[in-house]
């Protein structure tokens, strides 16, 4: 089976930076899009940033100019560099991936989430 594991979350002061990582493992033939979502208490889970297999990126307006998504295809890993963090960025951040597994089957996987807390 496919597993996504996030790391890099933690507690930072406003204006600080964090780098999140998400590594995919298991029986993977290829990975198409990889995305980061976040969910704050009492709110829906929203898309933060996405990146295609070709390297095209997209960002939510709330993080544009502050966050950067990237990927290392050789390591099946996606990153989210988070700069100039604000208290409103506080949330659980989740990794999501659209993959092709052996047998040419499409598969969507979620990570377990990592907590990011930004203090004022």
N, C-alpha and C. Protein backbone atom coordinates (compact mmCIF):
# COMPACT_ATOMS: atom_id res chain seq x y z
N UNK A 1 0.83 -1.19 0.00
CA UNK A 1 0.00 0.00 0.00
C UNK A 1 0.87 1.25 0.00
N UNK A 2 0.25 2.39 -0.30
CA UNK A 2 0.94 3.66 -0.37
C UNK A 2 0.76 4.40 0.95
N UNK A 3 1.83 5.02 1.40
CA UNK A 3 1.79 5.80 2.63
C UNK A 3 2.45 7.15 2.41
N UNK A 4 1.82 8.22 2.93
CA UNK A 4 2.39 9.56 2.92
C UNK A 4 2.67 9.97 4.36
N UNK A 5 3.87 10.45 4.63
CA UNK A 5 4.26 10.84 5.98
C UNK A 5 4.77 12.27 5.95
N UNK A 6 4.09 13.16 6.68
CA UNK A 6 4.51 14.55 6.79
C UNK A 6 5.46 14.73 7.97
N UNK A 7 6.31 15.75 7.86
CA UNK A 7 7.20 16.11 8.95
C UNK A 7 7.54 17.59 8.82
N UNK A 8 8.08 18.17 9.89
CA UNK A 8 8.54 19.54 9.87
C UNK A 8 7.65 20.54 10.57
N UNK A 9 6.49 20.13 11.04
CA UNK A 9 5.62 21.03 11.76
C UNK A 9 6.18 21.38 13.12
N UNK A 10 5.58 22.39 13.75
CA UNK A 10 6.03 22.81 15.06
C UNK A 10 5.47 24.15 15.45
N UNK A 11 6.06 24.73 16.48
CA UNK A 11 5.64 26.02 17.03
C UNK A 11 6.67 27.08 16.65
N UNK A 12 6.20 28.18 16.05
CA UNK A 12 7.08 29.28 15.67
C UNK A 12 6.41 30.61 16.00
N UNK A 13 7.24 31.65 16.12
CA UNK A 13 6.74 33.00 16.30
C UNK A 13 6.29 33.59 14.97
N UNK A 14 5.36 34.52 15.03
CA UNK A 14 4.94 35.23 13.83
C UNK A 14 6.15 35.84 13.14
N UNK A 15 6.18 35.71 11.82
CA UNK A 15 7.31 36.18 11.04
C UNK A 15 8.37 35.13 10.80
N UNK A 16 8.27 34.00 11.47
CA UNK A 16 9.24 32.94 11.33
C UNK A 16 8.96 32.05 10.13
N UNK A 17 9.76 30.99 10.00
CA UNK A 17 9.67 30.09 8.86
C UNK A 17 9.66 28.63 9.30
N UNK A 18 9.03 27.80 8.50
CA UNK A 18 9.05 26.35 8.65
C UNK A 18 9.12 25.72 7.27
N UNK A 19 9.69 24.53 7.21
CA UNK A 19 9.72 23.76 5.97
C UNK A 19 9.08 22.40 6.23
N UNK A 20 7.97 22.14 5.58
CA UNK A 20 7.28 20.87 5.70
C UNK A 20 7.73 19.92 4.61
N UNK A 21 7.80 18.64 4.94
CA UNK A 21 8.15 17.60 3.99
C UNK A 21 7.08 16.52 4.00
N UNK A 22 6.86 15.90 2.86
CA UNK A 22 5.94 14.78 2.74
C UNK A 22 6.57 13.74 1.84
N UNK A 23 6.85 12.58 2.39
CA UNK A 23 7.49 11.50 1.64
C UNK A 23 6.49 10.39 1.37
N UNK A 24 6.40 9.99 0.12
CA UNK A 24 5.53 8.89 -0.28
C UNK A 24 6.34 7.60 -0.36
N UNK A 25 5.77 6.52 0.13
CA UNK A 25 6.45 5.23 0.09
C UNK A 25 5.44 4.14 -0.21
N UNK A 26 5.96 2.97 -0.56
CA UNK A 26 5.11 1.85 -0.89
C UNK A 26 5.22 1.48 -2.35
N UNK A 27 4.22 0.79 -2.84
CA UNK A 27 4.20 0.34 -4.23
C UNK A 27 3.67 1.46 -5.12
N UNK A 28 4.59 2.24 -5.67
CA UNK A 28 4.25 3.42 -6.47
C UNK A 28 4.88 3.29 -7.84
N UNK A 29 4.06 3.44 -8.86
CA UNK A 29 4.58 3.44 -10.21
C UNK A 29 5.00 4.86 -10.62
N UNK A 30 4.16 5.83 -10.34
CA UNK A 30 4.47 7.22 -10.61
C UNK A 30 3.53 8.10 -9.79
N UNK A 31 3.90 9.37 -9.64
CA UNK A 31 3.10 10.33 -8.91
C UNK A 31 2.76 11.50 -9.82
N UNK A 32 1.48 11.81 -9.89
CA UNK A 32 1.05 12.95 -10.70
C UNK A 32 1.09 14.21 -9.83
N UNK A 33 -0.04 14.77 -9.49
CA UNK A 33 -0.06 15.99 -8.68
C UNK A 33 0.20 15.68 -7.21
N UNK A 34 0.87 16.60 -6.53
CA UNK A 34 1.05 16.55 -5.09
C UNK A 34 0.60 17.90 -4.54
N UNK A 35 -0.11 17.86 -3.42
CA UNK A 35 -0.74 19.06 -2.88
C UNK A 35 -0.58 19.14 -1.37
N UNK A 36 -0.68 20.36 -0.85
CA UNK A 36 -0.77 20.61 0.58
C UNK A 36 -2.12 21.24 0.89
N UNK A 37 -2.78 20.70 1.90
CA UNK A 37 -4.02 21.24 2.43
C UNK A 37 -3.79 21.64 3.89
N UNK A 38 -4.70 22.45 4.43
CA UNK A 38 -4.65 22.75 5.85
C UNK A 38 -6.06 22.88 6.40
N UNK A 39 -6.19 22.59 7.69
CA UNK A 39 -7.48 22.66 8.35
C UNK A 39 -7.29 23.21 9.75
N UNK A 40 -7.91 24.36 10.01
CA UNK A 40 -7.91 24.96 11.33
C UNK A 40 -9.13 24.49 12.10
N UNK A 41 -9.10 24.55 13.44
CA UNK A 41 -10.25 24.11 14.23
C UNK A 41 -11.53 24.82 13.82
N UNK A 42 -12.58 24.05 13.59
CA UNK A 42 -13.86 24.61 13.23
C UNK A 42 -13.99 25.05 11.79
N UNK A 43 -12.98 24.81 10.97
CA UNK A 43 -13.01 25.22 9.57
C UNK A 43 -12.84 24.03 8.64
N UNK A 44 -13.19 24.22 7.38
CA UNK A 44 -13.04 23.17 6.39
C UNK A 44 -11.58 23.02 5.99
N UNK A 45 -11.28 21.89 5.37
CA UNK A 45 -9.95 21.64 4.86
C UNK A 45 -9.79 22.32 3.51
N UNK A 46 -8.82 23.21 3.38
CA UNK A 46 -8.63 24.01 2.18
C UNK A 46 -7.31 23.69 1.50
N UNK A 47 -7.30 23.81 0.19
CA UNK A 47 -6.08 23.64 -0.59
C UNK A 47 -5.17 24.84 -0.38
N UNK A 48 -3.91 24.57 -0.07
CA UNK A 48 -2.91 25.61 0.14
C UNK A 48 -2.04 25.80 -1.09
N UNK A 49 -1.52 24.71 -1.62
CA UNK A 49 -0.64 24.76 -2.78
C UNK A 49 -0.62 23.42 -3.47
N UNK A 50 -0.35 23.43 -4.76
CA UNK A 50 -0.26 22.20 -5.53
C UNK A 50 0.85 22.29 -6.55
N UNK A 51 1.34 21.12 -6.95
CA UNK A 51 2.40 21.05 -7.95
C UNK A 51 2.18 19.82 -8.82
N UNK A 52 2.29 19.98 -10.13
CA UNK A 52 2.11 18.89 -11.06
C UNK A 52 3.42 18.13 -11.25
N UNK A 53 3.33 17.01 -11.95
CA UNK A 53 4.53 16.23 -12.23
C UNK A 53 5.53 17.01 -13.07
N UNK A 54 5.05 17.96 -13.86
CA UNK A 54 5.92 18.79 -14.68
C UNK A 54 6.47 20.02 -13.98
N UNK A 55 6.04 20.26 -12.73
CA UNK A 55 6.57 21.37 -11.97
C UNK A 55 5.73 22.62 -11.95
N UNK A 56 4.55 22.61 -12.59
CA UNK A 56 3.66 23.76 -12.52
C UNK A 56 3.06 23.88 -11.13
N UNK A 57 2.97 25.10 -10.61
CA UNK A 57 2.51 25.32 -9.24
C UNK A 57 1.31 26.24 -9.21
N UNK A 58 0.55 26.13 -8.11
CA UNK A 58 -0.58 27.01 -7.86
C UNK A 58 -0.70 27.21 -6.36
N UNK A 59 -1.18 28.40 -5.93
CA UNK A 59 -1.25 28.73 -4.52
C UNK A 59 -2.58 29.39 -4.18
N UNK A 60 -3.03 29.17 -2.96
CA UNK A 60 -4.14 29.93 -2.44
C UNK A 60 -3.73 31.39 -2.28
N UNK A 61 -4.68 32.30 -2.48
CA UNK A 61 -4.37 33.72 -2.39
C UNK A 61 -3.78 34.09 -1.02
N UNK A 62 -4.22 33.42 0.02
CA UNK A 62 -3.80 33.75 1.37
C UNK A 62 -2.33 33.46 1.65
N UNK A 63 -1.70 32.62 0.82
CA UNK A 63 -0.29 32.27 1.05
C UNK A 63 0.61 32.68 -0.09
N UNK A 64 0.05 33.18 -1.16
CA UNK A 64 0.85 33.57 -2.32
C UNK A 64 1.89 34.62 -1.93
N UNK A 65 3.12 34.38 -2.36
CA UNK A 65 4.22 35.27 -2.05
C UNK A 65 4.95 34.92 -0.77
N UNK A 66 4.36 34.06 0.06
CA UNK A 66 4.99 33.65 1.31
C UNK A 66 5.39 32.18 1.33
N UNK A 67 4.60 31.33 0.67
CA UNK A 67 4.85 29.89 0.65
C UNK A 67 5.37 29.47 -0.72
N UNK A 68 6.20 28.43 -0.74
CA UNK A 68 6.72 27.87 -1.98
C UNK A 68 6.63 26.35 -1.92
N UNK A 69 5.99 25.76 -2.92
CA UNK A 69 5.90 24.30 -3.00
C UNK A 69 6.92 23.80 -4.02
N UNK A 70 7.54 22.67 -3.73
CA UNK A 70 8.50 22.06 -4.63
C UNK A 70 8.45 20.55 -4.45
N UNK A 71 9.10 19.82 -5.35
CA UNK A 71 9.11 18.37 -5.24
C UNK A 71 10.44 17.80 -5.73
N UNK A 72 10.77 16.63 -5.20
CA UNK A 72 11.93 15.88 -5.61
C UNK A 72 11.40 14.54 -6.10
N UNK A 73 11.30 14.39 -7.40
CA UNK A 73 10.70 13.18 -7.96
C UNK A 73 11.51 11.93 -7.65
N UNK A 74 12.83 12.05 -7.58
CA UNK A 74 13.66 10.90 -7.27
C UNK A 74 13.40 10.37 -5.87
N UNK A 75 12.97 11.24 -4.96
CA UNK A 75 12.71 10.86 -3.57
C UNK A 75 11.23 10.72 -3.26
N UNK A 76 10.37 10.92 -4.26
CA UNK A 76 8.92 10.88 -4.05
C UNK A 76 8.50 11.78 -2.89
N UNK A 77 9.05 12.98 -2.87
CA UNK A 77 8.85 13.90 -1.76
C UNK A 77 8.40 15.27 -2.25
N UNK A 78 7.46 15.87 -1.54
CA UNK A 78 7.02 17.23 -1.81
C UNK A 78 7.32 18.08 -0.57
N UNK A 79 7.67 19.35 -0.79
CA UNK A 79 8.03 20.26 0.28
C UNK A 79 7.14 21.49 0.25
N UNK A 80 6.99 22.11 1.40
CA UNK A 80 6.31 23.40 1.50
C UNK A 80 7.16 24.31 2.36
N UNK A 81 7.82 25.28 1.73
CA UNK A 81 8.59 26.28 2.45
C UNK A 81 7.65 27.41 2.84
N UNK A 82 7.55 27.66 4.14
CA UNK A 82 6.61 28.63 4.68
C UNK A 82 7.38 29.76 5.34
N UNK A 83 7.31 30.95 4.76
CA UNK A 83 7.99 32.13 5.28
C UNK A 83 6.98 33.17 5.73
N UNK A 84 7.45 34.12 6.54
CA UNK A 84 6.61 35.21 7.03
C UNK A 84 5.30 34.69 7.61
N UNK A 85 5.41 33.70 8.47
CA UNK A 85 4.22 33.04 9.01
C UNK A 85 3.40 33.98 9.87
N UNK A 86 2.09 33.80 9.80
CA UNK A 86 1.12 34.59 10.54
C UNK A 86 0.31 33.69 11.46
N UNK A 87 -0.25 34.23 12.55
CA UNK A 87 -1.08 33.39 13.42
C UNK A 87 -2.22 32.70 12.68
N UNK A 88 -2.76 33.33 11.66
CA UNK A 88 -3.84 32.71 10.91
C UNK A 88 -3.39 31.53 10.06
N UNK A 89 -2.09 31.28 9.96
CA UNK A 89 -1.59 30.08 9.30
C UNK A 89 -1.66 28.85 10.20
N UNK A 90 -1.99 29.04 11.46
CA UNK A 90 -2.07 27.93 12.40
C UNK A 90 -3.13 26.92 11.94
N UNK A 91 -2.72 25.67 11.78
CA UNK A 91 -3.62 24.63 11.29
C UNK A 91 -2.87 23.31 11.29
N UNK A 92 -3.62 22.24 11.04
CA UNK A 92 -3.01 20.96 10.72
C UNK A 92 -2.83 20.92 9.21
N UNK A 93 -1.62 20.64 8.78
CA UNK A 93 -1.30 20.61 7.35
C UNK A 93 -1.23 19.16 6.88
N UNK A 94 -1.91 18.89 5.77
CA UNK A 94 -2.01 17.55 5.21
C UNK A 94 -1.42 17.49 3.81
N UNK A 95 -0.73 16.42 3.53
CA UNK A 95 -0.21 16.14 2.20
C UNK A 95 -1.19 15.24 1.46
N UNK A 96 -1.35 15.49 0.17
CA UNK A 96 -2.21 14.68 -0.68
C UNK A 96 -1.50 14.41 -1.99
N UNK A 97 -1.70 13.22 -2.54
CA UNK A 97 -1.06 12.87 -3.80
C UNK A 97 -1.98 12.03 -4.66
N UNK A 98 -1.94 12.29 -5.96
CA UNK A 98 -2.57 11.44 -6.95
C UNK A 98 -1.49 10.58 -7.58
N UNK A 99 -1.64 9.27 -7.48
CA UNK A 99 -0.60 8.35 -7.89
C UNK A 99 -1.11 7.31 -8.87
N UNK A 100 -0.16 6.68 -9.55
CA UNK A 100 -0.41 5.49 -10.34
C UNK A 100 0.31 4.34 -9.65
N UNK A 101 -0.43 3.30 -9.30
CA UNK A 101 0.15 2.14 -8.64
C UNK A 101 0.25 1.01 -9.64
N UNK A 102 1.03 -0.04 -9.33
CA UNK A 102 1.14 -1.17 -10.26
C UNK A 102 -0.22 -1.71 -10.67
N UNK A 103 -0.34 -2.02 -11.95
CA UNK A 103 -1.61 -2.40 -12.52
C UNK A 103 -2.31 -1.24 -13.19
N UNK A 104 -1.62 -0.11 -13.30
CA UNK A 104 -2.13 1.10 -13.94
C UNK A 104 -3.39 1.62 -13.27
N UNK A 105 -3.46 1.49 -11.96
CA UNK A 105 -4.60 1.97 -11.19
C UNK A 105 -4.30 3.34 -10.60
N UNK A 106 -5.27 4.24 -10.68
CA UNK A 106 -5.13 5.54 -10.03
C UNK A 106 -5.45 5.41 -8.55
N UNK A 107 -4.76 6.21 -7.74
CA UNK A 107 -4.93 6.14 -6.29
C UNK A 107 -4.70 7.51 -5.69
N UNK A 108 -5.55 7.89 -4.75
CA UNK A 108 -5.40 9.15 -4.03
C UNK A 108 -5.07 8.85 -2.58
N UNK A 109 -4.01 9.46 -2.06
CA UNK A 109 -3.54 9.17 -0.71
C UNK A 109 -3.43 10.45 0.11
N UNK A 110 -3.68 10.32 1.40
CA UNK A 110 -3.56 11.41 2.37
C UNK A 110 -2.54 11.05 3.44
N UNK A 111 -1.80 12.05 3.89
CA UNK A 111 -0.94 11.88 5.04
C UNK A 111 -1.73 12.03 6.33
N UNK A 112 -1.05 11.82 7.45
CA UNK A 112 -1.72 11.87 8.76
C UNK A 112 -1.86 13.29 9.29
N UNK A 113 -1.15 14.23 8.71
CA UNK A 113 -1.20 15.62 9.13
C UNK A 113 -0.09 15.98 10.09
N UNK A 114 0.35 17.23 10.04
CA UNK A 114 1.34 17.75 10.96
C UNK A 114 0.89 19.13 11.45
N UNK A 115 1.01 19.36 12.75
CA UNK A 115 0.52 20.59 13.36
C UNK A 115 1.50 21.73 13.17
N UNK A 116 0.99 22.87 12.70
CA UNK A 116 1.75 24.10 12.61
C UNK A 116 1.06 25.14 13.49
N UNK A 117 1.79 25.68 14.46
CA UNK A 117 1.24 26.69 15.35
C UNK A 117 2.10 27.94 15.29
N UNK A 118 1.49 29.08 15.00
CA UNK A 118 2.19 30.35 14.89
C UNK A 118 1.68 31.26 15.99
N UNK A 119 2.56 31.65 16.89
CA UNK A 119 2.18 32.51 18.00
C UNK A 119 2.39 33.97 17.65
N UNK A 120 1.60 34.84 18.26
CA UNK A 120 1.69 36.27 18.01
C UNK A 120 2.70 36.93 18.92
